[in-house]
Amino acid sequence: MGEKKVVEIFDVSETAFLLCKGFEMSKSVWKNNRIVFELNGDKDHSELLNEFYTHKARVSPLRFFNEVKNLKALIYNEKKKRGVIK
């Protein structure tokens, strides 16, 4: 296994996909009114995302759906905590 690297991702679908591929979320932070997901992983995230966008990647559809749902809930709760939504 390679060295774990920190990757910043702004996109929910990309984040969900990388989580399905074994990356771990270290934290989420707000930058310029956008949430940024910081992920740790030992794989080449750019290669994986290339597979994602060229429709060559394979993940469990249920796991991907659940990761997207969890990320959206995290965003909603963060926005609510910040007073962006009531």
N, C-alpha and C. Protein backbone atom coordinates (compact mmCIF):
# COMPACT_ATOMS: atom_id res chain seq x y z
N MET A 1 0.82 -1.19 0.00
CA MET A 1 0.00 0.00 0.00
C MET A 1 0.86 1.24 0.00
N GLY A 2 0.35 2.28 -0.66
CA GLY A 2 1.08 3.53 -0.73
C GLY A 2 0.80 4.42 0.46
N GLU A 3 1.40 5.58 0.41
CA GLU A 3 1.22 6.56 1.47
C GLU A 3 -0.14 7.23 1.32
N LYS A 4 -0.83 7.43 2.45
CA LYS A 4 -2.13 8.08 2.42
C LYS A 4 -1.96 9.56 2.10
N LYS A 5 -2.80 10.05 1.19
CA LYS A 5 -2.77 11.45 0.79
C LYS A 5 -4.10 12.09 1.11
N VAL A 6 -4.08 13.38 1.41
CA VAL A 6 -5.30 14.13 1.65
C VAL A 6 -5.74 14.76 0.33
N VAL A 7 -7.01 14.56 0.00
CA VAL A 7 -7.59 15.08 -1.23
C VAL A 7 -8.78 15.94 -0.86
N GLU A 8 -8.89 17.12 -1.47
CA GLU A 8 -10.06 17.99 -1.26
C GLU A 8 -11.00 17.85 -2.45
N ILE A 9 -12.26 17.51 -2.14
CA ILE A 9 -13.27 17.32 -3.18
C ILE A 9 -14.47 18.21 -2.85
N PHE A 10 -14.99 18.91 -3.86
CA PHE A 10 -16.15 19.78 -3.70
C PHE A 10 -17.46 19.09 -4.12
N ASP A 11 -17.36 18.06 -4.93
CA ASP A 11 -18.53 17.44 -5.54
C ASP A 11 -19.03 16.24 -4.72
N VAL A 12 -20.35 16.20 -4.50
CA VAL A 12 -20.95 15.12 -3.70
C VAL A 12 -20.79 13.77 -4.39
N SER A 13 -21.05 13.70 -5.69
CA SER A 13 -20.96 12.43 -6.40
C SER A 13 -19.53 11.90 -6.42
N GLU A 14 -18.57 12.78 -6.65
CA GLU A 14 -17.17 12.36 -6.64
C GLU A 14 -16.77 11.85 -5.26
N THR A 15 -17.21 12.57 -4.24
CA THR A 15 -16.89 12.17 -2.86
C THR A 15 -17.49 10.81 -2.55
N ALA A 16 -18.76 10.62 -2.90
CA ALA A 16 -19.43 9.34 -2.65
C ALA A 16 -18.71 8.21 -3.36
N PHE A 17 -18.31 8.45 -4.60
CA PHE A 17 -17.60 7.43 -5.36
C PHE A 17 -16.27 7.07 -4.70
N LEU A 18 -15.50 8.09 -4.31
CA LEU A 18 -14.21 7.81 -3.68
C LEU A 18 -14.37 7.10 -2.35
N LEU A 19 -15.43 7.42 -1.61
CA LEU A 19 -15.71 6.70 -0.36
C LEU A 19 -16.00 5.23 -0.66
N CYS A 20 -16.72 4.98 -1.74
CA CYS A 20 -17.00 3.59 -2.14
C CYS A 20 -15.72 2.86 -2.54
N LYS A 21 -14.74 3.61 -3.02
CA LYS A 21 -13.48 3.02 -3.47
C LYS A 21 -12.43 2.91 -2.36
N GLY A 22 -12.83 3.18 -1.12
CA GLY A 22 -11.94 2.96 0.01
C GLY A 22 -11.33 4.20 0.64
N PHE A 23 -11.61 5.37 0.11
CA PHE A 23 -11.13 6.58 0.76
C PHE A 23 -11.91 6.80 2.05
N GLU A 24 -11.32 7.51 2.99
CA GLU A 24 -11.98 7.82 4.25
C GLU A 24 -12.08 9.32 4.39
N MET A 25 -13.23 9.79 4.88
CA MET A 25 -13.39 11.22 5.08
C MET A 25 -12.75 11.62 6.40
N SER A 26 -11.81 12.56 6.33
CA SER A 26 -11.17 13.03 7.56
C SER A 26 -11.97 14.17 8.17
N LYS A 27 -12.54 15.03 7.30
CA LYS A 27 -13.39 16.11 7.80
C LYS A 27 -14.05 16.81 6.62
N SER A 28 -15.01 17.65 6.96
CA SER A 28 -15.61 18.53 5.97
C SER A 28 -15.47 19.95 6.50
N VAL A 29 -15.11 20.85 5.62
CA VAL A 29 -14.90 22.25 6.01
C VAL A 29 -15.61 23.15 5.02
N TRP A 30 -15.91 24.37 5.46
CA TRP A 30 -16.54 25.35 4.59
C TRP A 30 -15.49 26.31 4.09
N LYS A 31 -15.45 26.50 2.78
CA LYS A 31 -14.56 27.47 2.15
C LYS A 31 -15.37 28.24 1.12
N ASN A 32 -15.39 29.53 1.25
CA ASN A 32 -16.11 30.39 0.30
C ASN A 32 -17.56 29.95 0.10
N ASN A 33 -18.25 29.70 1.20
CA ASN A 33 -19.66 29.27 1.19
C ASN A 33 -19.89 27.95 0.47
N ARG A 34 -18.89 27.11 0.39
CA ARG A 34 -19.01 25.78 -0.19
C ARG A 34 -18.40 24.77 0.78
N ILE A 35 -18.99 23.61 0.78
CA ILE A 35 -18.42 22.56 1.63
C ILE A 35 -17.34 21.81 0.85
N VAL A 36 -16.27 21.54 1.53
CA VAL A 36 -15.16 20.78 0.95
C VAL A 36 -14.98 19.53 1.79
N PHE A 37 -14.96 18.39 1.12
CA PHE A 37 -14.75 17.13 1.80
C PHE A 37 -13.27 16.78 1.70
N GLU A 38 -12.65 16.57 2.85
CA GLU A 38 -11.24 16.17 2.88
C GLU A 38 -11.19 14.66 3.07
N LEU A 39 -10.62 13.98 2.08
CA LEU A 39 -10.55 12.53 2.09
C LEU A 39 -9.12 12.05 2.18
N ASN A 40 -8.94 10.92 2.84
CA ASN A 40 -7.63 10.27 2.92
C ASN A 40 -7.71 8.97 2.14
N GLY A 41 -6.70 8.73 1.33
CA GLY A 41 -6.65 7.49 0.59
C GLY A 41 -5.27 7.22 0.04
N ASP A 42 -5.02 5.98 -0.28
CA ASP A 42 -3.70 5.62 -0.80
C ASP A 42 -3.74 5.31 -2.29
N LYS A 43 -4.89 5.52 -2.93
CA LYS A 43 -5.02 5.29 -4.36
C LYS A 43 -4.93 6.63 -5.09
N ASP A 44 -4.71 6.57 -6.39
CA ASP A 44 -4.66 7.77 -7.22
C ASP A 44 -6.08 8.24 -7.49
N HIS A 45 -6.50 9.30 -6.81
CA HIS A 45 -7.88 9.76 -6.95
C HIS A 45 -8.18 10.27 -8.35
N SER A 46 -7.21 10.88 -9.03
CA SER A 46 -7.47 11.39 -10.37
C SER A 46 -7.72 10.24 -11.36
N GLU A 47 -7.00 9.14 -11.19
CA GLU A 47 -7.23 7.97 -12.04
C GLU A 47 -8.61 7.38 -11.79
N LEU A 48 -8.98 7.28 -10.51
CA LEU A 48 -10.31 6.76 -10.17
C LEU A 48 -11.41 7.65 -10.72
N LEU A 49 -11.24 8.97 -10.59
CA LEU A 49 -12.26 9.89 -11.10
C LEU A 49 -12.34 9.84 -12.62
N ASN A 50 -11.23 9.58 -13.27
CA ASN A 50 -11.25 9.41 -14.72
C ASN A 50 -12.10 8.19 -15.07
N GLU A 51 -11.95 7.09 -14.33
CA GLU A 51 -12.78 5.91 -14.54
C GLU A 51 -14.25 6.23 -14.30
N PHE A 52 -14.52 7.03 -13.27
CA PHE A 52 -15.89 7.43 -12.92
C PHE A 52 -16.55 8.18 -14.08
N TYR A 53 -15.84 9.15 -14.62
CA TYR A 53 -16.42 9.99 -15.67
C TYR A 53 -16.39 9.35 -17.05
N THR A 54 -15.63 8.29 -17.23
CA THR A 54 -15.63 7.57 -18.51
C THR A 54 -16.47 6.29 -18.42
N HIS A 55 -17.22 6.16 -17.34
CA HIS A 55 -18.16 5.04 -17.14
C HIS A 55 -17.48 3.68 -17.11
N LYS A 56 -16.25 3.65 -16.64
CA LYS A 56 -15.52 2.39 -16.53
C LYS A 56 -15.46 1.89 -15.09
N ALA A 57 -15.86 2.70 -14.14
CA ALA A 57 -15.77 2.35 -12.72
C ALA A 57 -16.94 1.46 -12.31
N ARG A 58 -16.69 0.62 -11.34
CA ARG A 58 -17.72 -0.25 -10.80
C ARG A 58 -17.74 -0.14 -9.28
N VAL A 59 -18.92 0.19 -8.75
CA VAL A 59 -19.14 0.19 -7.29
C VAL A 59 -20.54 -0.35 -7.04
N SER A 60 -20.80 -0.69 -5.80
CA SER A 60 -22.14 -1.13 -5.42
C SER A 60 -23.11 0.05 -5.55
N PRO A 61 -24.17 -0.10 -6.34
CA PRO A 61 -25.13 0.99 -6.48
C PRO A 61 -25.77 1.38 -5.14
N LEU A 62 -26.06 0.41 -4.31
CA LEU A 62 -26.68 0.71 -3.02
C LEU A 62 -25.72 1.48 -2.12
N ARG A 63 -24.47 1.08 -2.10
CA ARG A 63 -23.48 1.80 -1.29
C ARG A 63 -23.30 3.23 -1.80
N PHE A 64 -23.22 3.40 -3.12
CA PHE A 64 -23.08 4.74 -3.71
C PHE A 64 -24.27 5.61 -3.31
N PHE A 65 -25.49 5.07 -3.46
CA PHE A 65 -26.70 5.80 -3.09
C PHE A 65 -26.66 6.21 -1.62
N ASN A 66 -26.27 5.27 -0.75
CA ASN A 66 -26.22 5.57 0.69
C ASN A 66 -25.16 6.62 1.01
N GLU A 67 -24.02 6.58 0.34
CA GLU A 67 -22.98 7.59 0.56
C GLU A 67 -23.48 8.97 0.14
N VAL A 68 -24.17 9.06 -1.01
CA VAL A 68 -24.73 10.34 -1.47
C VAL A 68 -25.73 10.85 -0.45
N LYS A 69 -26.61 9.97 0.01
CA LYS A 69 -27.63 10.34 0.99
C LYS A 69 -26.99 10.85 2.28
N ASN A 70 -25.96 10.16 2.75
CA ASN A 70 -25.28 10.58 3.98
C ASN A 70 -24.58 11.93 3.80
N LEU A 71 -23.96 12.15 2.65
CA LEU A 71 -23.28 13.42 2.40
C LEU A 71 -24.28 14.56 2.32
N LYS A 72 -25.42 14.33 1.67
CA LYS A 72 -26.45 15.37 1.59
C LYS A 72 -27.00 15.70 2.98
N ALA A 73 -27.16 14.69 3.82
CA ALA A 73 -27.61 14.92 5.20
C ALA A 73 -26.58 15.74 5.97
N LEU A 74 -25.30 15.43 5.76
CA LEU A 74 -24.23 16.17 6.42
C LEU A 74 -24.26 17.64 5.99
N ILE A 75 -24.43 17.88 4.69
CA ILE A 75 -24.50 19.26 4.17
C ILE A 75 -25.70 19.98 4.76
N TYR A 76 -26.86 19.33 4.77
CA TYR A 76 -28.07 19.94 5.32
C TYR A 76 -27.87 20.31 6.79
N ASN A 77 -27.32 19.38 7.57
CA ASN A 77 -27.11 19.65 9.00
C ASN A 77 -26.11 20.77 9.22
N GLU A 78 -25.07 20.84 8.41
CA GLU A 78 -24.09 21.92 8.53
C GLU A 78 -24.72 23.27 8.18
N LYS A 79 -25.53 23.30 7.13
CA LYS A 79 -26.21 24.54 6.74
C LYS A 79 -27.17 24.98 7.84
N LYS A 80 -27.87 24.03 8.41
CA LYS A 80 -28.82 24.34 9.49
C LYS A 80 -28.07 24.88 10.71
N LYS A 81 -26.95 24.26 11.04
CA LYS A 81 -26.14 24.70 12.18
C LYS A 81 -25.60 26.11 11.98
N ARG A 82 -25.28 26.43 10.73
CA ARG A 82 -24.74 27.75 10.40
C ARG A 82 -25.83 28.81 10.22
N GLY A 83 -27.10 28.40 10.25
CA GLY A 83 -28.20 29.34 10.10
C GLY A 83 -28.50 29.70 8.65
N VAL A 84 -27.95 28.94 7.71
CA VAL A 84 -28.19 29.18 6.30
C VAL A 84 -29.63 28.81 5.96
N ILE A 85 -30.13 27.73 6.59
CA ILE A 85 -31.52 27.31 6.44
C ILE A 85 -32.12 27.18 7.83
N LYS A 86 -33.43 27.26 7.89
CA LYS A 86 -34.12 27.16 9.20
C LYS A 86 -34.88 25.88 9.31
